[in-house]
N, C-alpha and C. Protein backbone atom coordinates (compact mmCIF):
# COMPACT_ATOMS: atom_id res chain seq x y z
N MET A 1 114.68 254.02 58.39
CA MET A 1 114.25 252.71 57.89
C MET A 1 114.76 252.26 56.84
N ASN A 2 114.48 250.79 57.27
CA ASN A 2 115.28 249.99 56.11
C ASN A 2 114.31 248.95 55.21
N ILE A 3 113.81 249.73 54.60
CA ILE A 3 112.51 248.80 54.38
C ILE A 3 112.79 248.59 52.70
N THR A 4 112.12 246.98 52.27
CA THR A 4 112.57 246.30 50.97
C THR A 4 110.76 246.77 50.04
N ARG A 5 111.23 246.70 48.47
CA ARG A 5 110.26 246.94 47.60
C ARG A 5 108.55 246.41 47.94
N GLU A 6 109.20 244.40 48.52
CA GLU A 6 107.99 243.71 48.52
C GLU A 6 107.04 244.68 49.79
N GLN A 7 108.00 244.97 51.10
CA GLN A 7 107.04 245.62 51.92
C GLN A 7 106.02 246.13 51.71
N VAL A 8 106.78 247.33 50.95
CA VAL A 8 106.07 248.46 50.36
C VAL A 8 104.77 248.08 49.47
N GLU A 9 104.96 247.36 48.36
CA GLU A 9 103.96 246.57 47.61
C GLU A 9 102.63 245.80 48.48
N ASN A 10 103.32 245.08 49.81
CA ASN A 10 102.15 244.58 50.40
C ASN A 10 101.43 245.35 51.10
N ALA A 11 102.01 246.42 52.08
CA ALA A 11 101.46 247.39 52.45
C ALA A 11 100.38 248.25 51.92
N VAL A 12 101.03 248.74 50.33
CA VAL A 12 99.51 249.37 49.58
C VAL A 12 99.10 248.27 49.16
N LYS A 13 98.82 247.18 48.78
CA LYS A 13 97.83 246.30 48.69
C LYS A 13 96.87 245.92 49.41
N SER A 14 97.29 246.02 50.71
CA SER A 14 96.87 245.19 52.11
C SER A 14 95.88 246.59 52.31
N LYS A 15 95.67 247.67 51.56
CA LYS A 15 94.99 248.99 52.11
C LYS A 15 93.73 249.22 51.03
N GLY A 16 94.14 248.10 49.86
CA GLY A 16 93.28 248.30 48.55
C GLY A 16 93.27 249.49 47.80
N TYR A 17 94.62 249.89 47.58
CA TYR A 17 95.34 250.87 47.10
C TYR A 17 95.47 250.08 45.39
N ARG A 18 95.38 250.92 44.72
CA ARG A 18 96.55 250.28 43.09
C ARG A 18 97.93 250.17 43.28
N TRP A 19 98.37 249.25 42.58
CA TRP A 19 99.43 248.73 42.56
C TRP A 19 100.02 248.67 40.91
N PHE A 20 101.13 249.41 40.30
CA PHE A 20 101.25 249.52 39.32
C PHE A 20 102.32 248.36 38.56
N GLU A 21 101.75 247.70 38.12
CA GLU A 21 103.01 246.55 37.10
C GLU A 21 102.83 245.92 36.18
N LYS A 22 102.17 247.24 35.42
CA LYS A 22 102.36 246.67 33.47
C LYS A 22 103.33 247.19 33.12
N ARG A 23 103.76 246.38 32.33
CA ARG A 23 105.14 247.17 31.33
C ARG A 23 106.17 248.05 32.25
N ASP A 24 107.03 248.84 31.19
CA ASP A 24 108.04 249.34 32.21
C ASP A 24 107.79 251.20 32.78
N TYR A 25 108.41 251.11 33.80
CA TYR A 25 108.23 252.67 34.19
C TYR A 25 106.87 253.29 34.39
N ASN A 26 106.24 252.20 35.01
CA ASN A 26 104.90 252.54 35.35
C ASN A 26 105.00 252.61 37.20
N LEU A 27 105.68 253.91 37.21
CA LEU A 27 105.99 254.44 38.83
C LEU A 27 104.94 254.19 39.50
N ASN A 28 105.56 253.43 41.07
CA ASN A 28 104.58 253.50 42.16
C ASN A 28 105.15 254.46 43.13
N ILE A 29 104.94 255.55 43.56
CA ILE A 29 105.47 256.75 43.63
C ILE A 29 104.75 256.61 45.27
N VAL A 30 105.83 255.91 46.76
CA VAL A 30 104.76 255.75 47.89
C VAL A 30 106.03 256.96 48.92
N GLY A 31 105.01 257.37 49.80
CA GLY A 31 105.99 258.21 50.90
C GLY A 31 105.79 257.45 51.64
N ILE A 32 106.52 257.23 52.72
CA ILE A 32 106.71 256.19 54.11
C ILE A 32 106.82 257.17 54.58
N ARG A 33 106.06 257.35 56.20
CA ARG A 33 105.98 258.40 57.08
C ARG A 33 106.75 257.38 58.23
N ASN A 34 107.40 257.86 59.22
CA ASN A 34 108.04 257.31 60.07
C ASN A 34 106.60 257.74 60.68
N SER A 35 106.39 256.36 61.99
CA SER A 35 105.37 256.38 62.93
C SER A 35 105.80 256.25 64.27
N SER A 36 107.19 256.83 64.58
CA SER A 36 107.65 256.20 65.52
C SER A 36 108.04 257.39 66.78
N PHE A 37 107.50 258.77 66.12
CA PHE A 37 107.55 260.24 67.05
C PHE A 37 106.37 260.54 67.49
N ASP A 38 105.51 259.47 67.95
CA ASP A 38 103.87 260.13 68.36
C ASP A 38 103.49 261.64 67.62
N ASP A 39 103.78 262.13 66.66
CA ASP A 39 103.07 263.43 65.56
C ASP A 39 104.10 264.37 66.39
N LYS A 40 104.79 263.98 67.05
CA LYS A 40 106.00 265.21 66.82
C LYS A 40 106.79 266.18 66.17
N ILE A 41 106.94 266.99 65.81
CA ILE A 41 107.88 267.68 65.06
C ILE A 41 109.31 267.52 65.46
N THR A 42 109.83 266.43 64.47
CA THR A 42 111.54 266.59 64.40
C THR A 42 112.47 266.97 63.80
N ASN A 43 111.25 268.46 62.73
CA ASN A 43 112.17 268.92 62.04
C ASN A 43 113.91 268.38 61.30
N LYS A 44 113.38 267.38 60.63
CA LYS A 44 114.28 265.83 60.40
C LYS A 44 113.95 265.12 59.10
N PHE A 45 114.89 264.85 58.12
CA PHE A 45 114.24 264.45 56.71
C PHE A 45 114.31 262.36 57.31
N ASP A 46 113.31 262.11 58.16
CA ASP A 46 113.06 260.87 58.91
C ASP A 46 112.13 260.32 58.29
N ASP A 47 111.27 260.60 57.18
CA ASP A 47 110.82 259.73 56.51
C ASP A 47 111.11 259.26 54.77
N LEU A 48 110.48 258.28 54.07
CA LEU A 48 111.00 257.82 52.56
C LEU A 48 110.35 258.24 51.83
N ILE A 49 110.47 258.41 50.63
CA ILE A 49 109.94 258.59 49.29
C ILE A 49 110.54 257.46 48.42
N THR A 50 109.65 256.53 48.15
CA THR A 50 109.93 254.84 47.11
C THR A 50 109.63 254.90 46.01
N VAL A 51 110.33 254.45 45.14
CA VAL A 51 110.05 254.23 43.51
C VAL A 51 109.97 252.94 43.06
N SER A 52 109.16 252.06 42.91
CA SER A 52 108.92 250.96 42.40
C SER A 52 108.62 250.33 40.96
N TYR A 53 109.33 250.17 40.25
CA TYR A 53 108.81 249.76 38.77
C TYR A 53 109.45 249.01 37.93
N LYS A 54 109.11 247.96 37.19
CA LYS A 54 109.66 247.27 36.09
C LYS A 54 110.67 248.06 35.23
N VAL A 55 111.43 247.28 34.97
CA VAL A 55 112.10 247.23 33.45
C VAL A 55 112.73 246.33 32.84
N ASN A 56 112.04 245.60 31.71
CA ASN A 56 112.40 244.03 30.77
C ASN A 56 111.73 243.24 32.17
N ASN A 57 110.54 243.93 32.74
CA ASN A 57 109.76 243.00 33.31
C ASN A 57 110.65 242.57 34.41
N LYS A 58 111.60 243.17 35.30
CA LYS A 58 112.39 243.19 36.30
C LYS A 58 111.85 244.29 37.23
N TRP A 59 112.05 244.09 38.11
CA TRP A 59 111.72 245.05 39.10
C TRP A 59 112.87 245.55 39.79
N LEU A 60 112.45 247.31 39.63
CA LEU A 60 113.35 247.88 40.38
C LEU A 60 112.70 248.76 41.72
N PHE A 61 113.90 249.23 42.75
CA PHE A 61 113.37 250.03 43.70
C PHE A 61 114.54 251.03 44.07
N LYS A 62 113.98 252.06 44.58
CA LYS A 62 114.83 253.46 45.15
C LYS A 62 113.88 253.83 46.04
N ALA A 63 114.88 254.19 47.45
CA ALA A 63 114.22 254.97 48.56
C ALA A 63 115.05 255.83 49.04
N TYR A 64 114.16 257.02 49.25
CA TYR A 64 115.15 258.38 49.12
C TYR A 64 114.91 258.95 49.96
N ASN A 65 115.81 259.39 50.91
CA ASN A 65 115.52 260.19 52.29
C ASN A 65 114.69 261.28 52.15
N ALA A 66 113.72 261.46 53.18
CA ALA A 66 112.72 263.17 52.39
C ALA A 66 112.01 263.37 53.71
N THR A 67 110.92 264.50 53.54
CA THR A 67 110.49 264.11 54.88
C THR A 67 108.72 264.35 54.14
N THR A 68 107.43 263.94 54.74
CA THR A 68 106.37 264.01 54.20
C THR A 68 105.54 264.92 55.05
N ASP A 69 106.64 265.53 56.22
CA ASP A 69 106.06 266.37 57.25
C ASP A 69 106.21 267.62 56.76
N PRO A 70 106.10 269.06 57.27
CA PRO A 70 106.26 270.22 57.17
C PRO A 70 107.30 270.33 58.08
N GLY A 71 108.49 271.66 58.48
CA GLY A 71 109.53 271.63 59.31
C GLY A 71 109.02 272.68 60.19
N LYS A 72 109.77 272.98 61.04
CA LYS A 72 109.61 273.56 62.63
C LYS A 72 109.12 275.19 61.89
N TYR A 73 109.44 275.61 61.29
CA TYR A 73 109.94 276.95 61.13
C TYR A 73 108.62 276.96 60.17
N TYR A 74 107.83 276.67 58.96
CA TYR A 74 106.44 276.71 58.84
C TYR A 74 105.09 276.29 60.31
N SER A 75 105.69 275.66 60.80
CA SER A 75 104.87 274.73 61.64
C SER A 75 104.11 275.64 63.16
N GLU A 76 105.39 277.09 62.83
CA GLU A 76 105.58 278.25 64.19
C GLU A 76 105.52 279.69 62.74
N ASN A 77 105.65 279.39 61.35
CA ASN A 77 105.20 280.68 61.02
C ASN A 77 104.45 280.59 60.21
N LEU A 78 103.09 280.30 60.37
CA LEU A 78 101.93 279.94 59.28
C LEU A 78 101.78 280.84 58.29
N LEU A 79 101.91 279.85 57.19
CA LEU A 79 101.44 280.54 56.01
C LEU A 79 99.94 280.45 55.84
N ASN A 80 98.97 279.60 56.52
CA ASN A 80 97.80 279.88 56.32
C ASN A 80 97.92 280.08 57.49
N LYS A 81 96.04 280.65 57.65
CA LYS A 81 95.69 281.41 58.90
C LYS A 81 94.97 279.74 60.04
N ASN A 82 94.55 278.91 58.54
CA ASN A 82 93.76 277.39 59.08
C ASN A 82 94.97 276.74 59.88
N GLY A 83 96.12 276.69 59.53
CA GLY A 83 97.38 276.32 60.02
C GLY A 83 97.90 275.62 58.84
N VAL A 84 99.11 274.88 59.42
CA VAL A 84 100.51 274.13 58.55
C VAL A 84 99.45 272.85 58.31
N ALA A 85 100.17 272.67 56.69
CA ALA A 85 99.38 271.47 56.04
C ALA A 85 100.20 270.15 56.10
N ILE A 86 99.58 269.12 56.37
CA ILE A 86 100.48 268.16 56.96
C ILE A 86 99.52 267.27 55.80
N LEU A 87 99.92 266.03 54.78
CA LEU A 87 99.12 265.35 53.48
C LEU A 87 98.40 264.20 54.70
N VAL A 88 97.53 263.95 54.46
CA VAL A 88 96.86 262.79 55.04
C VAL A 88 97.28 261.38 54.17
N PRO A 89 97.40 260.81 55.23
CA PRO A 89 97.78 259.45 54.55
C PRO A 89 97.09 258.89 53.78
N ASP A 90 97.13 258.22 52.69
CA ASP A 90 95.97 257.72 51.49
C ASP A 90 96.49 257.86 50.48
N GLN A 91 95.72 257.11 48.92
CA GLN A 91 96.29 257.16 47.60
C GLN A 91 95.81 258.25 46.71
N TYR A 92 96.12 258.57 45.82
CA TYR A 92 95.90 260.05 45.36
C TYR A 92 96.31 260.02 43.90
N LEU A 93 95.07 259.41 43.08
CA LEU A 93 95.53 259.17 41.72
C LEU A 93 95.42 259.88 41.22
N GLY A 94 96.66 259.83 40.37
CA GLY A 94 96.83 260.89 39.14
C GLY A 94 96.83 262.47 39.52
N SER A 95 97.14 262.62 40.76
CA SER A 95 97.52 264.16 41.25
C SER A 95 98.34 265.12 41.12
N HIS A 96 99.82 264.43 40.79
CA HIS A 96 100.84 265.41 40.04
C HIS A 96 100.98 265.38 38.98
N LYS A 97 101.63 266.23 38.21
CA LYS A 97 102.10 266.29 36.80
C LYS A 97 103.88 267.09 36.87
N ILE A 98 104.29 266.96 36.13
CA ILE A 98 105.71 267.30 35.78
C ILE A 98 105.19 269.52 35.65
N GLY A 99 106.19 269.71 36.91
CA GLY A 99 106.12 271.30 36.41
C GLY A 99 106.85 272.36 37.22
N PRO A 100 106.86 273.48 37.34
CA PRO A 100 107.63 274.49 37.69
C PRO A 100 107.32 273.98 39.70
N HIS A 101 108.21 274.36 40.94
CA HIS A 101 108.18 274.55 41.51
C HIS A 101 108.65 275.57 42.27
N GLY A 102 107.89 276.54 42.93
CA GLY A 102 108.66 277.67 44.14
C GLY A 102 108.82 278.72 42.90
N ARG A 103 109.56 279.76 43.94
CA ARG A 103 110.11 281.07 43.22
C ARG A 103 111.00 280.51 41.99
N SER A 104 112.15 279.97 42.19
CA SER A 104 113.04 279.43 41.50
C SER A 104 112.42 278.56 40.07
N ARG A 105 111.44 277.98 40.33
CA ARG A 105 110.81 277.97 39.11
C ARG A 105 111.83 276.21 38.42
N TYR A 106 112.22 275.43 39.57
CA TYR A 106 112.45 274.59 39.31
C TYR A 106 111.88 273.45 38.87
N THR A 107 112.12 272.04 37.91
CA THR A 107 110.70 271.25 37.41
C THR A 107 110.71 270.20 39.03
N ALA A 108 109.72 270.17 38.81
CA ALA A 108 109.18 269.15 40.16
C ALA A 108 108.04 268.66 40.30
N LEU A 109 107.29 267.32 40.98
CA LEU A 109 106.47 267.02 40.67
C LEU A 109 104.95 268.21 41.08
N ARG A 110 104.54 268.50 40.14
CA ARG A 110 103.68 270.04 41.01
C ARG A 110 102.19 269.19 41.15
N GLN A 111 101.27 269.19 42.44
CA GLN A 111 100.18 268.95 42.70
C GLN A 111 99.02 269.37 41.72
N ALA A 112 98.23 268.53 41.11
CA ALA A 112 97.32 268.82 39.61
C ALA A 112 96.09 268.59 40.01
N LYS A 113 95.70 267.81 41.52
CA LYS A 113 94.10 267.38 41.83
C LYS A 113 94.00 268.24 43.33
N PRO A 114 92.76 267.90 43.80
CA PRO A 114 92.64 268.08 45.10
C PRO A 114 93.41 266.92 45.76
N LEU A 115 93.94 267.40 47.49
CA LEU A 115 94.44 266.48 48.43
C LEU A 115 93.99 266.70 49.70
N ARG A 116 93.71 265.74 50.24
CA ARG A 116 93.58 266.53 52.08
C ARG A 116 94.77 266.53 52.72
N VAL A 117 94.63 267.36 54.04
CA VAL A 117 95.47 268.03 54.49
C VAL A 117 94.50 268.02 55.68
N TYR A 118 95.70 267.59 56.86
CA TYR A 118 95.14 268.65 58.63
C TYR A 118 95.90 269.24 58.60
N ARG A 119 95.35 270.54 59.24
CA ARG A 119 95.58 271.76 59.42
C ARG A 119 95.71 272.16 61.32
N ASP A 120 96.67 272.15 61.09
CA ASP A 120 97.76 272.39 62.93
C ASP A 120 97.90 273.97 63.04
N LYS A 121 97.27 274.59 64.14
CA LYS A 121 97.49 276.12 63.80
C LYS A 121 98.34 276.06 65.41
N ASN A 122 98.11 275.41 66.58
CA ASN A 122 98.39 275.49 67.88
C ASN A 122 100.08 275.90 68.53
N LYS A 123 101.08 275.43 67.10
CA LYS A 123 102.05 275.89 67.15
C LYS A 123 103.07 275.00 68.44
N ASP A 124 102.25 273.65 68.60
CA ASP A 124 102.96 273.01 70.27
C ASP A 124 103.59 272.00 70.11
N GLN A 125 104.12 272.05 68.50
CA GLN A 125 105.54 271.01 68.41
C GLN A 125 104.52 269.68 67.82
N ILE A 126 103.72 268.98 68.04
CA ILE A 126 102.90 268.31 68.21
C ILE A 126 101.60 268.46 67.53
N PHE A 127 101.93 267.59 65.80
CA PHE A 127 100.70 267.78 64.67
C PHE A 127 99.22 267.29 65.15
N ASP A 128 98.19 267.88 65.31
CA ASP A 128 97.25 267.45 65.54
C ASP A 128 96.29 266.84 64.30
N LEU A 129 96.79 265.69 64.11
CA LEU A 129 95.88 264.70 62.97
C LEU A 129 94.90 264.45 63.30
N VAL A 130 94.32 265.22 63.81
CA VAL A 130 92.56 264.79 63.77
C VAL A 130 91.56 265.16 62.72
N GLU A 131 90.43 264.40 62.42
CA GLU A 131 89.23 264.28 61.46
C GLU A 131 88.51 265.49 61.14
N GLU A 132 88.47 266.19 61.98
CA GLU A 132 88.14 267.85 61.97
C GLU A 132 88.79 268.67 61.53
N ASN A 133 90.25 268.40 61.30
CA ASN A 133 91.60 269.70 61.00
C ASN A 133 91.42 269.16 59.34
N ILE A 134 90.96 268.61 59.12
CA ILE A 134 91.16 268.27 57.88
C ILE A 134 89.92 269.13 56.23
N GLN A 135 91.42 269.52 55.62
CA GLN A 135 90.62 270.28 54.56
C GLN A 135 91.35 269.78 53.02
N GLU A 136 90.40 269.76 52.09
CA GLU A 136 90.58 269.25 50.68
C GLU A 136 90.79 270.11 49.83
N GLY A 137 91.71 270.64 48.88
CA GLY A 137 91.80 271.23 47.59
C GLY A 137 93.25 271.50 47.17
N ILE A 138 93.70 272.33 46.12
CA ILE A 138 94.98 272.38 45.79
C ILE A 138 95.16 273.66 46.89
N PHE A 139 96.48 272.84 46.94
CA PHE A 139 97.34 273.53 48.23
C PHE A 139 99.07 273.73 47.84
N TRP A 140 99.72 272.52 46.59
CA TRP A 140 100.65 273.21 46.27
C TRP A 140 101.56 272.18 47.50
N ILE A 141 101.05 271.08 47.33
CA ILE A 141 101.43 269.79 48.01
C ILE A 141 102.58 269.42 47.55
N ASN A 142 103.52 269.84 46.55
CA ASN A 142 104.42 269.55 45.17
C ASN A 142 105.36 268.26 46.23
N ILE A 143 106.33 267.38 45.14
CA ILE A 143 107.16 266.67 45.80
C ILE A 143 108.60 266.98 45.15
N HIS A 144 109.41 267.66 45.62
CA HIS A 144 110.55 268.62 45.38
C HIS A 144 111.56 268.23 45.77
N ARG A 145 112.71 268.99 45.72
CA ARG A 145 113.87 268.92 46.68
C ARG A 145 114.21 269.99 47.32
N ALA A 146 115.43 269.20 48.30
CA ALA A 146 114.89 270.67 49.48
C ALA A 146 116.93 271.36 48.78
N THR A 147 117.88 271.59 49.21
CA THR A 147 119.04 272.23 48.64
C THR A 147 119.50 271.56 47.46
N LYS A 148 119.67 272.85 46.42
CA LYS A 148 120.19 272.71 45.51
C LYS A 148 121.37 271.99 45.31
N TRP A 149 122.54 271.77 46.12
CA TRP A 149 123.08 271.28 46.30
C TRP A 149 123.57 270.26 47.38
N GLY A 150 124.30 269.30 47.26
CA GLY A 150 124.52 268.09 48.20
C GLY A 150 123.06 267.78 48.78
N THR A 151 122.88 267.47 50.46
CA THR A 151 121.93 266.86 51.48
C THR A 151 122.08 267.36 52.23
N SER A 152 120.41 268.07 52.64
CA SER A 152 119.86 269.25 53.51
C SER A 152 119.65 267.81 54.57
N LYS A 153 120.52 268.15 55.85
CA LYS A 153 120.06 267.47 57.42
C LYS A 153 118.79 268.00 57.95
N GLN A 154 118.35 269.30 57.70
CA GLN A 154 116.90 269.54 58.29
C GLN A 154 115.98 270.22 57.35
N ILE A 155 114.76 270.35 58.03
CA ILE A 155 113.87 270.67 57.03
C ILE A 155 113.57 272.24 57.02
N ASP A 156 113.49 273.02 58.06
CA ASP A 156 113.34 274.32 58.29
C ASP A 156 112.87 274.39 57.14
N LYS A 157 113.31 275.75 56.60
CA LYS A 157 111.98 276.65 55.31
C LYS A 157 111.80 275.07 54.29
N TRP A 158 112.26 274.54 54.34
CA TRP A 158 112.39 273.36 52.71
C TRP A 158 110.62 273.09 52.45
N SER A 159 110.02 272.62 54.04
CA SER A 159 109.15 272.07 53.56
C SER A 159 107.69 273.29 54.35
N ALA A 160 106.79 273.63 53.72
CA ALA A 160 105.05 273.92 54.25
C ALA A 160 104.19 272.86 54.09
N GLY A 161 104.52 271.73 54.09
CA GLY A 161 103.35 270.54 53.80
C GLY A 161 103.83 269.84 52.19
N CYS A 162 104.76 270.06 52.03
CA CYS A 162 105.42 269.51 50.67
C CYS A 162 106.12 268.16 50.95
N GLN A 163 106.20 267.07 49.98
CA GLN A 163 107.01 266.17 50.11
C GLN A 163 108.44 266.14 49.83
N VAL A 164 109.45 266.42 50.46
CA VAL A 164 110.37 266.67 50.05
C VAL A 164 111.92 265.54 50.23
N ILE A 165 112.77 265.60 49.39
CA ILE A 165 113.54 265.08 49.00
C ILE A 165 115.07 265.39 49.56
N ALA A 166 115.79 264.66 50.15
CA ALA A 166 116.44 265.63 51.27
C ALA A 166 118.18 265.90 49.80
N SER A 167 118.32 265.39 49.07
CA SER A 167 119.64 265.02 48.81
C SER A 167 119.24 265.51 47.40
N ASN A 168 119.72 266.46 46.89
CA ASN A 168 119.69 266.93 45.36
C ASN A 168 120.08 266.13 44.17
N SER A 169 121.07 264.99 44.28
CA SER A 169 120.95 263.92 43.72
C SER A 169 120.09 263.06 43.15
N ASP A 170 119.45 262.72 44.13
CA ASP A 170 118.38 261.77 44.47
C ASP A 170 117.54 262.15 43.95
N PHE A 171 116.90 263.76 43.80
CA PHE A 171 115.93 264.32 43.37
C PHE A 171 115.99 264.01 41.82
N GLU A 172 117.10 264.49 41.41
CA GLU A 172 117.39 264.26 40.09
C GLU A 172 117.35 262.82 39.40
N GLU A 173 117.70 261.87 40.43
CA GLU A 173 117.63 260.58 39.61
C GLU A 173 115.81 260.40 39.74
N PHE A 174 114.87 260.74 40.38
CA PHE A 174 113.66 260.48 40.78
C PHE A 174 113.52 261.59 39.97
N MET A 175 113.33 262.79 39.48
CA MET A 175 113.03 263.17 38.28
C MET A 175 113.35 262.57 36.72
N ASN A 176 114.24 262.13 36.60
CA ASN A 176 114.79 261.45 35.76
C ASN A 176 113.81 260.06 35.03
N LEU A 177 113.16 259.75 36.30
CA LEU A 177 112.70 258.46 36.38
C LEU A 177 110.88 259.29 35.88
N CYS A 178 110.86 259.95 36.51
CA CYS A 178 109.12 260.56 36.29
C CYS A 178 109.10 261.10 34.55
N HIS A 179 110.25 261.56 34.24
CA HIS A 179 110.04 261.90 32.99
C HIS A 179 110.36 261.25 31.88
N THR A 180 111.01 260.03 32.18
CA THR A 180 111.01 258.43 31.06
C THR A 180 109.36 258.10 31.55
N SER A 181 108.84 258.28 32.40
CA SER A 181 107.63 257.81 32.71
C SER A 181 106.75 258.00 31.61
N ALA A 182 106.52 259.68 31.95
CA ALA A 182 105.81 260.22 31.48
C ALA A 182 105.71 260.11 29.86
N LYS A 183 107.19 259.99 29.28
CA LYS A 183 107.07 259.51 28.05
C LYS A 183 106.06 258.52 27.30
N ILE A 184 106.22 257.18 28.56
CA ILE A 184 105.58 256.56 28.10
C ILE A 184 103.81 256.39 28.49
N TRP A 185 103.50 256.66 29.77
CA TRP A 185 102.37 256.74 30.32
C TRP A 185 101.35 257.77 30.54
N GLY A 186 102.23 258.84 29.71
CA GLY A 186 101.75 260.41 30.02
C GLY A 186 101.77 260.98 31.83
N ASP A 187 101.64 262.24 31.41
CA ASP A 187 102.23 263.31 32.61
C ASP A 187 101.24 263.13 33.33
N SER A 188 101.19 262.40 34.19
CA SER A 188 100.32 261.90 35.68
C SER A 188 100.73 261.24 36.62
N PHE A 189 101.03 261.55 37.28
CA PHE A 189 101.01 260.97 38.54
C PHE A 189 100.75 260.03 39.76
N THR A 190 100.45 259.15 40.17
CA THR A 190 99.63 258.67 41.31
C THR A 190 100.49 259.16 42.65
N TYR A 191 100.18 259.92 43.63
CA TYR A 191 101.46 259.38 44.80
C TYR A 191 100.70 258.92 46.53
N THR A 192 101.14 258.02 46.94
CA THR A 192 100.45 256.96 47.69
C THR A 192 101.04 257.60 48.85
N LEU A 193 100.77 257.99 49.90
CA LEU A 193 101.29 258.03 51.33
C LEU A 193 100.51 257.03 52.50
N ILE A 194 101.78 255.90 53.10
CA ILE A 194 101.34 255.86 54.38
C ILE A 194 102.44 256.04 55.54
N GLU A 195 102.30 254.72 56.65
CA GLU A 195 102.95 255.15 57.83
C GLU A 195 103.76 253.71 58.02
N SER A 196 104.63 254.17 58.25
CA SER A 196 105.64 253.16 58.71
C SER A 196 104.91 252.22 59.41
N ASP A 197 104.34 252.11 60.53
CA ASP A 197 103.74 251.17 61.07
C ASP A 197 102.97 250.43 60.32
N ASP A 198 102.18 250.97 58.63
CA ASP A 198 101.61 249.91 58.01
C ASP A 198 102.60 248.79 56.85
N VAL A 199 104.29 249.56 57.37
CA VAL A 199 104.88 248.44 56.59
C VAL A 199 105.35 247.08 57.44
N LYS A 200 104.61 246.17 57.29
CA LYS A 200 105.08 244.61 58.35
C LYS A 200 106.73 244.28 57.36
């Protein structure tokens, strides 16, 4: 997806969501789910996680190849009896904090407030994104990296519902921005998830 910062800002504002534009490093972290696959499981990093922020009153924009969906493995090998988790598009104010992720305990953005997820358990390779399948709670829908080295091409076991950046170097850059932001604004990050169809 080739998307500009202005398009992301317009899409977020068009939904009535908050857009942070006061002073430096007030991060707008926006995931963009690729709408072009009709909810089919691709097992690829075909989404984006974007960051829009100001430095010295000038807008800067980062767009990282990522997934906002779980991979094929956990869609077939369920960790929860109700089904695999797919984050519901929305704006989640103050939803994440800096903290350890997973068994390796490396630093990522860790879910800190309840989020809404769809649950899909029929293993038919299509996400069932319907209202009656929604649950809300702390499910550890973190924002983290895939591989520790290089860039991952397939999701596989990297996501059971988390928002995952494919490249380790991209993720390190992302976390550096988060650490800088936390020193100014505090350790609380809003995550917004929209669809690529929302971006005009």
